[in-house]
Amino acid sequence: QVQLVESGGGLVQPGGSLRLSCAASGSIFSIHAMGWHRQAPGQQRELVAAFISGGSTNYADSVKGRFTISRDNAKDTVYLQMNSLKPEDTAVYYCNADITYSSGSYFRRYDYWGQGTQVTVSS
């Protein structure tokens, strides 16, 4: 089994910064993609930023130039540095990872989600 543990959310004023972390742990064989989604009240969950297959990155247009995703492969961890935060960035941020894990003699690929961390941007 695999777990994703997020940290780093909180309350910040407009224009401020936050850094989110997401660590994957368990019987990980390979991480194919990993990143962040968010969901604001009454809205659909949307992609924020992610490392996708091949190691390239994908960002939502609304966060380009303000958010940066990075990773530490040795720790199976991704980070989301969020700068110049706006009230419209307020949402629950979810870590998501496409992982092949090992279990005994077989391997399985599964799409995992973290529990979510609240980010609130308000004065």
PDB file of N, CA and C in Angstrom:
ATOM      1  N   GLN A   1       0.830  -1.191   0.000  1.00  0.00           N
ATOM      2  CA  GLN A   1       0.000   0.000   0.000  1.00  0.00           C
ATOM      3  C   GLN A   1       0.867   1.243   0.000  1.00  0.00           C
ATOM      4  N   VAL A   2       0.253   2.335  -0.415  1.00  0.00           N
ATOM      5  CA  VAL A   2       0.960   3.610  -0.501  1.00  0.00           C
ATOM      6  C   VAL A   2       0.136   4.678   0.205  1.00  0.00           C
ATOM      7  N   GLN A   3       0.813   5.582   0.855  1.00  0.00           N
ATOM      8  CA  GLN A   3       0.157   6.723   1.479  1.00  0.00           C
ATOM      9  C   GLN A   3       0.776   8.016   0.990  1.00  0.00           C
ATOM     10  N   LEU A   4      -0.059   9.040   0.856  1.00  0.00           N
ATOM     11  CA  LEU A   4       0.408  10.385   0.546  1.00  0.00           C
ATOM     12  C   LEU A   4       0.094  11.266   1.749  1.00  0.00           C
ATOM     13  N   VAL A   5       1.107  11.928   2.262  1.00  0.00           N
ATOM     14  CA  VAL A   5       0.940  12.785   3.430  1.00  0.00           C
ATOM     15  C   VAL A   5       1.300  14.207   3.044  1.00  0.00           C
ATOM     16  N   GLU A   6       0.321  15.101   3.205  1.00  0.00           N
ATOM     17  CA  GLU A   6       0.502  16.500   2.825  1.00  0.00           C
ATOM     18  C   GLU A   6       0.749  17.355   4.066  1.00  0.00           C
ATOM     19  N   SER A   7       1.422  18.472   3.854  1.00  0.00           N
ATOM     20  CA  SER A   7       1.609  19.443   4.921  1.00  0.00           C
ATOM     21  C   SER A   7       1.846  20.804   4.312  1.00  0.00           C
ATOM     22  N   GLY A   8       1.671  21.837   5.136  1.00  0.00           N
ATOM     23  CA  GLY A   8       2.050  23.173   4.713  1.00  0.00           C
ATOM     24  C   GLY A   8       0.923  24.138   4.439  1.00  0.00           C
ATOM     25  N   GLY A   9      -0.321  23.716   4.543  1.00  0.00           N
ATOM     26  CA  GLY A   9      -1.415  24.647   4.316  1.00  0.00           C
ATOM     27  C   GLY A   9      -1.553  25.630   5.458  1.00  0.00           C
ATOM     28  N   GLY A  10      -2.490  26.576   5.281  1.00  0.00           N
ATOM     29  CA  GLY A  10      -2.730  27.545   6.339  1.00  0.00           C
ATOM     30  C   GLY A  10      -3.384  28.794   5.823  1.00  0.00           C
ATOM     31  N   LEU A  11      -3.354  29.810   6.676  1.00  0.00           N
ATOM     32  CA  LEU A  11      -3.945  31.112   6.360  1.00  0.00           C
ATOM     33  C   LEU A  11      -2.837  32.095   6.018  1.00  0.00           C
ATOM     34  N   VAL A  12      -3.012  32.806   4.919  1.00  0.00           N
ATOM     35  CA  VAL A  12      -2.008  33.769   4.497  1.00  0.00           C
ATOM     36  C   VAL A  12      -2.702  34.981   3.894  1.00  0.00           C
ATOM     37  N   GLN A  13      -2.082  36.118   4.003  1.00  0.00           N
ATOM     38  CA  GLN A  13      -2.647  37.329   3.428  1.00  0.00           C
ATOM     39  C   GLN A  13      -2.407  37.379   1.926  1.00  0.00           C
ATOM     40  N   PRO A  14      -3.248  38.100   1.195  1.00  0.00           N
ATOM     41  CA  PRO A  14      -2.999  38.260  -0.240  1.00  0.00           C
ATOM     42  C   PRO A  14      -1.602  38.793  -0.501  1.00  0.00           C
ATOM     43  N   GLY A  15      -0.950  38.209  -1.507  1.00  0.00           N
ATOM     44  CA  GLY A  15       0.423  38.575  -1.818  1.00  0.00           C
ATOM     45  C   GLY A  15       1.456  37.749  -1.086  1.00  0.00           C
ATOM     46  N   GLY A  16       1.002  36.957  -0.134  1.00  0.00           N
ATOM     47  CA  GLY A  16       1.912  36.132   0.650  1.00  0.00           C
ATOM     48  C   GLY A  16       2.292  34.838  -0.040  1.00  0.00           C
ATOM     49  N   SER A  17       3.036  34.016   0.686  1.00  0.00           N
ATOM     50  CA  SER A  17       3.551  32.758   0.141  1.00  0.00           C
ATOM     51  C   SER A  17       3.290  31.607   1.099  1.00  0.00           C
ATOM     52  N   LEU A  18       3.163  30.433   0.525  1.00  0.00           N
ATOM     53  CA  LEU A  18       3.080  29.186   1.274  1.00  0.00           C
ATOM     54  C   LEU A  18       3.799  28.110   0.486  1.00  0.00           C
ATOM     55  N   ARG A  19       4.270  27.109   1.206  1.00  0.00           N
ATOM     56  CA  ARG A  19       4.901  25.963   0.559  1.00  0.00           C
ATOM     57  C   ARG A  19       4.224  24.697   1.041  1.00  0.00           C
ATOM     58  N   LEU A  20       3.700  23.940   0.105  1.00  0.00           N
ATOM     59  CA  LEU A  20       3.073  22.661   0.421  1.00  0.00           C
ATOM     60  C   LEU A  20       4.051  21.526   0.141  1.00  0.00           C
ATOM     61  N   SER A  21       3.945  20.480   0.943  1.00  0.00           N
ATOM     62  CA  SER A  21       4.760  19.282   0.743  1.00  0.00           C
ATOM     63  C   SER A  21       3.852  18.065   0.679  1.00  0.00           C
ATOM     64  N   CYS A  22       4.267  17.092  -0.114  1.00  0.00           N
ATOM     65  CA  CYS A  22       3.541  15.831  -0.196  1.00  0.00           C
ATOM     66  C   CYS A  22       4.563  14.710  -0.296  1.00  0.00           C
ATOM     67  N   ALA A  23       4.550  13.840   0.698  1.00  0.00           N
ATOM     68  CA  ALA A  23       5.479  12.717   0.735  1.00  0.00           C
ATOM     69  C   ALA A  23       4.736  11.414   0.509  1.00  0.00           C
ATOM     70  N   ALA A  24       5.232  10.629  -0.430  1.00  0.00           N
ATOM     71  CA  ALA A  24       4.672   9.302  -0.689  1.00  0.00           C
ATOM     72  C   ALA A  24       5.490   8.263   0.055  1.00  0.00           C
ATOM     73  N   SER A  25       4.798   7.310   0.657  1.00  0.00           N
ATOM     74  CA  SER A  25       5.501   6.253   1.380  1.00  0.00           C
ATOM     75  C   SER A  25       4.790   4.929   1.158  1.00  0.00           C
ATOM     76  N   GLY A  26       5.533   3.843   1.368  1.00  0.00           N
ATOM     77  CA  GLY A  26       4.968   2.514   1.180  1.00  0.00           C
ATOM     78  C   GLY A  26       5.799   1.714   0.212  1.00  0.00           C
ATOM     79  N   SER A  27       5.181   0.694  -0.355  1.00  0.00           N
ATOM     80  CA  SER A  27       5.878  -0.218  -1.256  1.00  0.00           C
ATOM     81  C   SER A  27       5.882   0.322  -2.681  1.00  0.00           C
ATOM     82  N   ILE A  28       6.552   1.438  -2.850  1.00  0.00           N
ATOM     83  CA  ILE A  28       6.557   2.124  -4.137  1.00  0.00           C
ATOM     84  C   ILE A  28       7.563   1.482  -5.076  1.00  0.00           C
ATOM     85  N   PHE A  29       7.089   1.117  -6.251  1.00  0.00           N
ATOM     86  CA  PHE A  29       7.985   0.611  -7.277  1.00  0.00           C
ATOM     87  C   PHE A  29       8.350   1.726  -8.250  1.00  0.00           C
ATOM     88  N   SER A  30       7.348   2.493  -8.662  1.00  0.00           N
ATOM     89  CA  SER A  30       7.597   3.575  -9.605  1.00  0.00           C
ATOM     90  C   SER A  30       6.510   4.636  -9.479  1.00  0.00           C
ATOM     91  N   ILE A  31       6.941   5.901  -9.542  1.00  0.00           N
ATOM     92  CA  ILE A  31       6.000   7.019  -9.559  1.00  0.00           C
ATOM     93  C   ILE A  31       5.947   7.556 -10.980  1.00  0.00           C
ATOM     94  N   HIS A  32       4.792   7.481 -11.604  1.00  0.00           N
ATOM     95  CA  HIS A  32       4.644   7.884 -13.002  1.00  0.00           C
ATOM     96  C   HIS A  32       4.321   9.368 -13.134  1.00  0.00           C
ATOM     97  N   ALA A  33       3.560   9.875 -12.186  1.00  0.00           N
ATOM     98  CA  ALA A  33       3.179  11.285 -12.178  1.00  0.00           C
ATOM     99  C   ALA A  33       2.812  11.661 -10.756  1.00  0.00           C
ATOM    100  N   MET A  34       3.024  12.933 -10.427  1.00  0.00           N
ATOM    101  CA  MET A  34       2.722  13.375  -9.060  1.00  0.00           C
ATOM    102  C   MET A  34       2.548  14.866  -9.067  1.00  0.00           C
ATOM    103  N   GLY A  35       1.538  15.331  -8.347  1.00  0.00           N
ATOM    104  CA  GLY A  35       1.312  16.760  -8.338  1.00  0.00           C
ATOM    105  C   GLY A  35       0.174  17.174  -7.438  1.00  0.00           C
ATOM    106  N   TRP A  36      -0.390  18.331  -7.748  1.00  0.00           N
ATOM    107  CA  TRP A  36      -1.380  18.968  -6.886  1.00  0.00           C
ATOM    108  C   TRP A  36      -2.630  19.349  -7.666  1.00  0.00           C
ATOM    109  N   HIS A  37      -3.753  19.096  -7.039  1.00  0.00           N
ATOM    110  CA  HIS A  37      -5.042  19.587  -7.489  1.00  0.00           C
ATOM    111  C   HIS A  37      -5.622  20.443  -6.376  1.00  0.00           C
ATOM    112  N   ARG A  38      -6.664  21.184  -6.685  1.00  0.00           N
ATOM    113  CA  ARG A  38      -7.352  21.949  -5.644  1.00  0.00           C
ATOM    114  C   ARG A  38      -8.853  21.983  -5.928  1.00  0.00           C
ATOM    115  N   GLN A  39      -9.586  22.184  -4.852  1.00  0.00           N
ATOM    116  CA  GLN A  39     -11.039  22.271  -4.969  1.00  0.00           C
ATOM    117  C   GLN A  39     -11.551  23.355  -4.048  1.00  0.00           C
ATOM    118  N   ALA A  40     -12.157  24.363  -4.644  1.00  0.00           N
ATOM    119  CA  ALA A  40     -12.777  25.436  -3.891  1.00  0.00           C
ATOM    120  C   ALA A  40     -14.241  25.080  -3.643  1.00  0.00           C
ATOM    121  N   PRO A  41     -14.872  25.669  -2.623  1.00  0.00           N
ATOM    122  CA  PRO A  41     -16.270  25.362  -2.328  1.00  0.00           C
ATOM    123  C   PRO A  41     -17.165  25.591  -3.543  1.00  0.00           C
ATOM    124  N   GLY A  42     -17.978  24.592  -3.859  1.00  0.00           N
ATOM    125  CA  GLY A  42     -18.917  24.708  -4.966  1.00  0.00           C
ATOM    126  C   GLY A  42     -18.305  24.567  -6.340  1.00  0.00           C
ATOM    127  N   GLN A  43     -17.021  24.248  -6.395  1.00  0.00           N
ATOM    128  CA  GLN A  43     -16.350  24.127  -7.689  1.00  0.00           C
ATOM    129  C   GLN A  43     -15.776  22.728  -7.865  1.00  0.00           C
ATOM    130  N   GLN A  44     -15.472  22.400  -9.120  1.00  0.00           N
ATOM    131  CA  GLN A  44     -14.872  21.109  -9.404  1.00  0.00           C
ATOM    132  C   GLN A  44     -13.392  21.123  -9.041  1.00  0.00           C
ATOM    133  N   ARG A  45     -12.879  19.941  -8.761  1.00  0.00           N
ATOM    134  CA  ARG A  45     -11.455  19.818  -8.503  1.00  0.00           C
ATOM    135  C   ARG A  45     -10.700  20.085  -9.799  1.00  0.00           C
ATOM    136  N   GLU A  46      -9.607  20.837  -9.683  1.00  0.00           N
ATOM    137  CA  GLU A  46      -8.836  21.193 -10.863  1.00  0.00           C
ATOM    138  C   GLU A  46      -7.351  20.960 -10.641  1.00  0.00           C
ATOM    139  N   LEU A  47      -6.659  20.687 -11.728  1.00  0.00           N
ATOM    140  CA  LEU A  47      -5.215  20.535 -11.671  1.00  0.00           C
ATOM    141  C   LEU A  47      -4.572  21.883 -11.384  1.00  0.00           C
ATOM    142  N   VAL A  48      -3.595  21.882 -10.477  1.00  0.00           N
ATOM    143  CA  VAL A  48      -2.808  23.078 -10.199  1.00  0.00           C
ATOM    144  C   VAL A  48      -1.445  22.955 -10.871  1.00  0.00           C
ATOM    145  N   ALA A  49      -0.721  21.911 -10.526  1.00  0.00           N
ATOM    146  CA  ALA A  49       0.604  21.695 -11.091  1.00  0.00           C
ATOM    147  C   ALA A  49       0.986  20.242 -10.882  1.00  0.00           C
ATOM    148  N   ALA A  50       1.751  19.686 -11.821  1.00  0.00           N
ATOM    149  CA  ALA A  50       2.130  18.291 -11.685  1.00  0.00           C
ATOM    150  C   ALA A  50       3.346  17.972 -12.522  1.00  0.00           C
ATOM    151  N   PHE A  51       4.102  16.993 -12.050  1.00  0.00           N
ATOM    152  CA  PHE A  51       5.111  16.334 -12.868  1.00  0.00           C
ATOM    153  C   PHE A  51       4.389  15.204 -13.583  1.00  0.00           C
ATOM    154  N   ILE A  52       4.504  15.181 -14.892  1.00  0.00           N
ATOM    155  CA  ILE A  52       3.823  14.149 -15.664  1.00  0.00           C
ATOM    156  C   ILE A  52       4.853  13.205 -16.267  1.00  0.00           C
ATOM    157  N   SER A  53       4.369  12.209 -16.980  1.00  0.00           N
ATOM    158  CA  SER A  53       5.238  11.201 -17.550  1.00  0.00           C
ATOM    159  C   SER A  53       6.358  11.839 -18.371  1.00  0.00           C
ATOM    160  N   GLY A  54       7.588  11.380 -18.153  1.00  0.00           N
ATOM    161  CA  GLY A  54       8.741  11.952 -18.850  1.00  0.00           C
ATOM    162  C   GLY A  54       9.429  13.039 -18.055  1.00  0.00           C
ATOM    163  N   GLY A  55       8.815  13.437 -16.923  1.00  0.00           N
ATOM    164  CA  GLY A  55       9.445  14.410 -16.046  1.00  0.00           C
ATOM    165  C   GLY A  55       9.101  15.850 -16.335  1.00  0.00           C
ATOM    166  N   SER A  56       8.292  16.096 -17.342  1.00  0.00           N
ATOM    167  CA  SER A  56       7.914  17.485 -17.625  1.00  0.00           C
ATOM    168  C   SER A  56       6.863  17.946 -16.639  1.00  0.00           C
ATOM    169  N   THR A  57       6.615  19.243 -16.617  1.00  0.00           N
ATOM    170  CA  THR A  57       5.652  19.811 -15.684  1.00  0.00           C
ATOM    171  C   THR A  57       4.459  20.388 -16.431  1.00  0.00           C
ATOM    172  N   ASN A  58       3.355  20.431 -15.711  1.00  0.00           N
ATOM    173  CA  ASN A  58       2.121  20.969 -16.260  1.00  0.00           C
ATOM    174  C   ASN A  58       1.509  21.894 -15.209  1.00  0.00           C
ATOM    175  N   TYR A  59       1.165  23.110 -15.607  1.00  0.00           N
ATOM    176  CA  TYR A  59       0.598  24.093 -14.689  1.00  0.00           C
ATOM    177  C   TYR A  59      -0.747  24.594 -15.208  1.00  0.00           C
ATOM    178  N   ALA A  60      -1.640  24.881 -14.276  1.00  0.00           N
ATOM    179  CA  ALA A  60      -2.859  25.590 -14.648  1.00  0.00           C
ATOM    180  C   ALA A  60      -2.485  27.005 -15.066  1.00  0.00           C
ATOM    181  N   ASP A  61      -3.187  27.541 -16.047  1.00  0.00           N
ATOM    182  CA  ASP A  61      -2.884  28.899 -16.515  1.00  0.00           C
ATOM    183  C   ASP A  61      -2.982  29.917 -15.389  1.00  0.00           C
ATOM    184  N   SER A  62      -3.894  29.691 -14.462  1.00  0.00           N
ATOM    185  CA  SER A  62      -4.145  30.655 -13.393  1.00  0.00           C
ATOM    186  C   SER A  62      -2.993  30.761 -12.396  1.00  0.00           C
ATOM    187  N   VAL A  63      -2.083  29.795 -12.403  1.00  0.00           N
ATOM    188  CA  VAL A  63      -0.985  29.823 -11.425  1.00  0.00           C
ATOM    189  C   VAL A  63       0.386  29.983 -12.079  1.00  0.00           C
ATOM    190  N   LYS A  64       0.436  29.989 -13.383  1.00  0.00           N
ATOM    191  CA  LYS A  64       1.722  30.121 -14.071  1.00  0.00           C
ATOM    192  C   LYS A  64       2.405  31.421 -13.672  1.00  0.00           C
ATOM    193  N   GLY A  65       3.695  31.317 -13.367  1.00  0.00           N
ATOM    194  CA  GLY A  65       4.455  32.489 -12.948  1.00  0.00           C
ATOM    195  C   GLY A  65       4.366  32.782 -11.467  1.00  0.00           C
ATOM    196  N   ARG A  66       3.451  32.132 -10.773  1.00  0.00           N
ATOM    197  CA  ARG A  66       3.313  32.345  -9.324  1.00  0.00           C
ATOM    198  C   ARG A  66       3.628  31.087  -8.521  1.00  0.00           C
ATOM    199  N   PHE A  67       3.273  29.945  -9.046  1.00  0.00           N
ATOM    200  CA  PHE A  67       3.494  28.684  -8.351  1.00  0.00           C
ATOM    201  C   PHE A  67       4.610  27.909  -9.038  1.00  0.00           C
ATOM    202  N   THR A  68       5.371  27.172  -8.235  1.00  0.00           N
ATOM    203  CA  THR A  68       6.437  26.332  -8.767  1.00  0.00           C
ATOM    204  C   THR A  68       6.384  24.970  -8.100  1.00  0.00           C
ATOM    205  N   ILE A  69       6.337  23.926  -8.914  1.00  0.00           N
ATOM    206  CA  ILE A  69       6.383  22.577  -8.381  1.00  0.00           C
ATOM    207  C   ILE A  69       7.803  22.060  -8.482  1.00  0.00           C
ATOM    208  N   SER A  70       8.244  21.376  -7.442  1.00  0.00           N
ATOM    209  CA  SER A  70       9.572  20.774  -7.437  1.00  0.00           C
ATOM    210  C   SER A  70       9.480  19.412  -6.758  1.00  0.00           C
ATOM    211  N   ARG A  71      10.564  18.663  -6.819  1.00  0.00           N
ATOM    212  CA  ARG A  71      10.509  17.332  -6.228  1.00  0.00           C
ATOM    213  C   ARG A  71      11.870  16.898  -5.718  1.00  0.00           C
ATOM    214  N   ASP A  72      11.800  15.973  -4.778  1.00  0.00           N
ATOM    215  CA  ASP A  72      12.984  15.306  -4.251  1.00  0.00           C
ATOM    216  C   ASP A  72      12.764  13.817  -4.496  1.00  0.00           C
ATOM    217  N   ASN A  73      13.375  13.293  -5.537  1.00  0.00           N
ATOM    218  CA  ASN A  73      13.130  11.899  -5.912  1.00  0.00           C
ATOM    219  C   ASN A  73      13.590  10.921  -4.840  1.00  0.00           C
ATOM    220  N   ALA A  74      14.646  11.278  -4.139  1.00  0.00           N
ATOM    221  CA  ALA A  74      15.158  10.384  -3.098  1.00  0.00           C
ATOM    222  C   ALA A  74      14.169  10.215  -1.953  1.00  0.00           C
ATOM    223  N   LYS A  75      13.323  11.230  -1.775  1.00  0.00           N
ATOM    224  CA  LYS A  75      12.344  11.197  -0.691  1.00  0.00           C
ATOM    225  C   LYS A  75      10.929  10.949  -1.192  1.00  0.00           C
ATOM    226  N   ASP A  76      10.770  10.751  -2.499  1.00  0.00           N
ATOM    227  CA  ASP A  76       9.424  10.578  -3.081  1.00  0.00           C
ATOM    228  C   ASP A  76       8.494  11.701  -2.625  1.00  0.00           C
ATOM    229  N   THR A  77       8.997  12.901  -2.710  1.00  0.00           N
ATOM    230  CA  THR A  77       8.272  14.068  -2.208  1.00  0.00           C
ATOM    231  C   THR A  77       8.188  15.139  -3.289  1.00  0.00           C
ATOM    232  N   VAL A  78       7.026  15.773  -3.372  1.00  0.00           N
ATOM    233  CA  VAL A  78       6.875  16.931  -4.232  1.00  0.00           C
ATOM    234  C   VAL A  78       6.510  18.129  -3.369  1.00  0.00           C
ATOM    235  N   TYR A  79       6.884  19.287  -3.857  1.00  0.00           N
ATOM    236  CA  TYR A  79       6.626  20.539  -3.163  1.00  0.00           C
ATOM    237  C   TYR A  79       5.892  21.479  -4.113  1.00  0.00           C
ATOM    238  N   LEU A  80       5.090  22.346  -3.523  1.00  0.00           N
ATOM    239  CA  LEU A  80       4.434  23.381  -4.307  1.00  0.00           C
ATOM    240  C   LEU A  80       4.710  24.713  -3.618  1.00  0.00           C
ATOM    241  N   GLN A  81       5.567  25.501  -4.223  1.00  0.00           N
ATOM    242  CA  GLN A  81       5.849  26.842  -3.719  1.00  0.00           C
ATOM    243  C   GLN A  81       4.834  27.791  -4.338  1.00  0.00           C
ATOM    244  N   MET A  82       4.062  28.420  -3.492  1.00  0.00           N
ATOM    245  CA  MET A  82       2.997  29.312  -3.951  1.00  0.00           C
ATOM    246  C   MET A  82       3.328  30.736  -3.524  1.00  0.00           C
ATOM    247  N   ASN A  83       3.559  31.590  -4.491  1.00  0.00           N
ATOM    248  CA  ASN A  83       3.871  32.990  -4.242  1.00  0.00           C
ATOM    249  C   ASN A  83       2.771  33.881  -4.796  1.00  0.00           C
ATOM    250  N   SER A  84       2.777  35.120  -4.354  1.00  0.00           N
ATOM    251  CA  SER A  84       1.781  36.102  -4.826  1.00  0.00           C
ATOM    252  C   SER A  84       0.374  35.529  -4.744  1.00  0.00           C
ATOM    253  N   LEU A  85       0.054  34.967  -3.617  1.00  0.00           N
ATOM    254  CA  LEU A  85      -1.237  34.309  -3.459  1.00  0.00           C
ATOM    255  C   LEU A  85      -2.384  35.300  -3.534  1.00  0.00           C
ATOM    256  N   LYS A  86      -3.479  34.833  -4.103  1.00  0.00           N
ATOM    257  CA  LYS A  86      -4.681  35.642  -4.284  1.00  0.00           C
ATOM    258  C   LYS A  86      -5.851  34.983  -3.547  1.00  0.00           C
ATOM    259  N   PRO A  87      -6.860  35.740  -3.204  1.00  0.00           N
ATOM    260  CA  PRO A  87      -8.034  35.138  -2.549  1.00  0.00           C
ATOM    261  C   PRO A  87      -8.637  33.996  -3.357  1.00  0.00           C
ATOM    262  N   GLU A  88      -8.558  34.082  -4.664  1.00  0.00           N
ATOM    263  CA  GLU A  88      -9.125  33.020  -5.499  1.00  0.00           C
ATOM    264  C   GLU A  88      -8.303  31.735  -5.476  1.00  0.00           C
ATOM    265  N   ASP A  89      -7.156  31.764  -4.824  1.00  0.00           N
ATOM    266  CA  ASP A  89      -6.382  30.540  -4.629  1.00  0.00           C
ATOM    267  C   ASP A  89      -6.883  29.741  -3.424  1.00  0.00           C
ATOM    268  N   THR A  90      -7.807  30.318  -2.683  1.00  0.00           N
ATOM    269  CA  THR A  90      -8.353  29.633  -1.521  1.00  0.00           C
ATOM    270  C   THR A  90      -9.054  28.349  -1.936  1.00  0.00           C
ATOM    271  N   ALA A  91      -8.640  27.245  -1.339  1.00  0.00           N
ATOM    272  CA  ALA A  91      -9.181  25.940  -1.698  1.00  0.00           C
ATOM    273  C   ALA A  91      -8.554  24.879  -0.801  1.00  0.00           C
ATOM    274  N   VAL A  92      -9.089  23.679  -0.897  1.00  0.00           N
ATOM    275  CA  VAL A  92      -8.405  22.526  -0.332  1.00  0.00           C
ATOM    276  C   VAL A  92      -7.487  21.982  -1.418  1.00  0.00           C
ATOM    277  N   TYR A  93      -6.229  21.832  -1.085  1.00  0.00           N
ATOM    278  CA  TYR A  93      -5.230  21.359  -2.034  1.00  0.00           C
ATOM    279  C   TYR A  93      -4.967  19.880  -1.769  1.00  0.00           C
ATOM    280  N   TYR A  94      -5.050  19.101  -2.834  1.00  0.00           N
ATOM    281  CA  TYR A  94      -4.881  17.652  -2.735  1.00  0.00           C
ATOM    282  C   TYR A  94      -3.650  17.209  -3.519  1.00  0.00           C
ATOM    283  N   CYS A  95      -2.850  16.379  -2.881  1.00  0.00           N
ATOM    284  CA  CYS A  95      -1.752  15.728  -3.578  1.00  0.00           C
ATOM    285  C   CYS A  95      -2.304  14.508  -4.312  1.00  0.00           C
ATOM    286  N   ASN A  96      -1.778  14.273  -5.500  1.00  0.00           N
ATOM    287  CA  ASN A  96      -2.223  13.158  -6.328  1.00  0.00           C
ATOM    288  C   ASN A  96      -1.010  12.493  -6.942  1.00  0.00           C
ATOM    289  N   ALA A  97      -1.004  11.160  -6.963  1.00  0.00           N
ATOM    290  CA  ALA A  97       0.137  10.452  -7.538  1.00  0.00           C
ATOM    291  C   ALA A  97      -0.308   9.181  -8.235  1.00  0.00           C
ATOM    292  N   ASP A  98       0.269   8.952  -9.386  1.00  0.00           N
ATOM    293  CA  ASP A  98       0.041   7.744 -10.184  1.00  0.00           C
ATOM    294  C   ASP A  98       1.238   6.835  -9.924  1.00  0.00           C
ATOM    295  N   ILE A  99       0.998   5.775  -9.171  1.00  0.00           N
ATOM    296  CA  ILE A  99       2.100   4.966  -8.633  1.00  0.00           C
ATOM    297  C   ILE A  99       1.889   3.487  -8.926  1.00  0.00           C
ATOM    298  N   THR A 100       2.973   2.830  -9.299  1.00  0.00           N
ATOM    299  CA  THR A 100       2.994   1.371  -9.314  1.00  0.00           C
ATOM    300  C   THR A 100       3.616   0.914  -8.007  1.00  0.00           C
ATOM    301  N   TYR A 101       2.883   0.070  -7.303  1.00  0.00           N
ATOM    302  CA  TYR A 101       3.402  -0.453  -6.054  1.00  0.00           C
ATOM    303  C   TYR A 101       3.571  -1.956  -6.152  1.00  0.00           C
ATOM    304  N   SER A 102       4.408  -2.465  -5.267  1.00  0.00           N
ATOM    305  CA  SER A 102       4.642  -3.902  -5.225  1.00  0.00           C
ATOM    306  C   SER A 102       3.954  -4.501  -4.009  1.00  0.00           C
ATOM    307  N   SER A 103       3.414  -5.673  -4.209  1.00  0.00           N
ATOM    308  CA  SER A 103       2.753  -6.374  -3.122  1.00  0.00           C
ATOM    309  C   SER A 103       3.022  -7.856  -3.285  1.00  0.00           C
ATOM    310  N   GLY A 104       3.985  -8.349  -2.540  1.00  0.00           N
ATOM    311  CA  GLY A 104       4.351  -9.746  -2.699  1.00  0.00           C
ATOM    312  C   GLY A 104       4.975  -9.970  -4.059  1.00  0.00           C
ATOM    313  N   SER A 105       4.347 -10.817  -4.865  1.00  0.00           N
ATOM    314  CA  SER A 105       4.912 -11.184  -6.151  1.00  0.00           C
ATOM    315  C   SER A 105       4.299 -10.420  -7.320  1.00  0.00           C
ATOM    316  N   TYR A 106       3.463  -9.434  -7.058  1.00  0.00           N
ATOM    317  CA  TYR A 106       2.859  -8.726  -8.171  1.00  0.00           C
ATOM    318  C   TYR A 106       2.995  -7.219  -8.004  1.00  0.00           C
ATOM    319  N   PHE A 107       2.745  -6.539  -9.127  1.00  0.00           N
ATOM    320  CA  PHE A 107       2.798  -5.084  -9.155  1.00  0.00           C
ATOM    321  C   PHE A 107       1.444  -4.573  -9.637  1.00  0.00           C
ATOM    322  N   ARG A 108       1.026  -3.447  -9.043  1.00  0.00           N
ATOM    323  CA  ARG A 108      -0.229  -2.839  -9.463  1.00  0.00           C
ATOM    324  C   ARG A 108      -0.057  -1.334  -9.552  1.00  0.00           C
ATOM    325  N   ARG A 109      -0.769  -0.765 -10.478  1.00  0.00           N
ATOM    326  CA  ARG A 109      -0.709   0.674 -10.679  1.00  0.00           C
ATOM    327  C   ARG A 109      -2.012   1.285 -10.192  1.00  0.00           C
ATOM    328  N   TYR A 110      -1.891   2.376  -9.457  1.00  0.00           N
ATOM    329  CA  TYR A 110      -3.080   2.970  -8.842  1.00  0.00           C
ATOM    330  C   TYR A 110      -2.912   4.470  -8.744  1.00  0.00           C
ATOM    331  N   ASP A 111      -4.028   5.174  -8.739  1.00  0.00           N
ATOM    332  CA  ASP A 111      -4.060   6.624  -8.616  1.00  0.00           C
ATOM    333  C   ASP A 111      -4.408   6.980  -7.174  1.00  0.00           C
ATOM    334  N   TYR A 112      -3.459   7.576  -6.463  1.00  0.00           N
ATOM    335  CA  TYR A 112      -3.630   7.879  -5.044  1.00  0.00           C
ATOM    336  C   TYR A 112      -3.908   9.363  -4.829  1.00  0.00           C
ATOM    337  N   TRP A 113      -4.661   9.616  -3.754  1.00  0.00           N
ATOM    338  CA  TRP A 113      -4.945  10.976  -3.336  1.00  0.00           C
ATOM    339  C   TRP A 113      -4.611  11.157  -1.859  1.00  0.00           C
ATOM    340  N   GLY A 114      -4.108  12.333  -1.527  1.00  0.00           N
ATOM    341  CA  GLY A 114      -3.897  12.676  -0.131  1.00  0.00           C
ATOM    342  C   GLY A 114      -5.198  13.142   0.511  1.00  0.00           C
ATOM    343  N   GLN A 115      -5.117  13.461   1.795  1.00  0.00           N
ATOM    344  CA  GLN A 115      -6.309  13.827   2.542  1.00  0.00           C
ATOM    345  C   GLN A 115      -6.709  15.280   2.313  1.00  0.00           C
ATOM    346  N   GLY A 116      -5.820  16.067   1.757  1.00  0.00           N
ATOM    347  CA  GLY A 116      -6.116  17.466   1.481  1.00  0.00           C
ATOM    348  C   GLY A 116      -5.612  18.379   2.580  1.00  0.00           C
ATOM    349  N   THR A 117      -5.195  19.566   2.187  1.00  0.00           N
ATOM    350  CA  THR A 117      -4.761  20.579   3.136  1.00  0.00           C
ATOM    351  C   THR A 117      -5.384  21.912   2.731  1.00  0.00           C
ATOM    352  N   GLN A 118      -5.920  22.623   3.711  1.00  0.00           N
ATOM    353  CA  GLN A 118      -6.629  23.864   3.437  1.00  0.00           C
ATOM    354  C   GLN A 118      -5.655  25.014   3.242  1.00  0.00           C
ATOM    355  N   VAL A 119      -5.867  25.768   2.186  1.00  0.00           N
ATOM    356  CA  VAL A 119      -5.142  27.016   1.948  1.00  0.00           C
ATOM    357  C   VAL A 119      -6.185  28.135   1.884  1.00  0.00           C
ATOM    358  N   THR A 120      -6.028  29.104   2.748  1.00  0.00           N
ATOM    359  CA  THR A 120      -6.943  30.235   2.792  1.00  0.00           C
ATOM    360  C   THR A 120      -6.157  31.515   2.605  1.00  0.00           C
ATOM    361  N   VAL A 121      -6.547  32.294   1.609  1.00  0.00           N
ATOM    362  CA  VAL A 121      -5.888  33.564   1.325  1.00  0.00           C
ATOM    363  C   VAL A 121      -6.885  34.678   1.630  1.00  0.00           C
ATOM    364  N   SER A 122      -6.608  35.401   2.689  1.00  0.00           N
ATOM    365  CA  SER A 122      -7.558  36.411   3.140  1.00  0.00           C
ATOM    366  C   SER A 122      -6.851  37.442   3.997  1.00  0.00           C
ATOM    367  N   SER A 123      -7.340  38.675   3.923  1.00  0.00           N
ATOM    368  CA  SER A 123      -6.796  39.731   4.773  1.00  0.00           C
ATOM    369  C   SER A 123      -7.624  39.850   6.055  1.00  0.00           C
TER     370      SER A 123
END
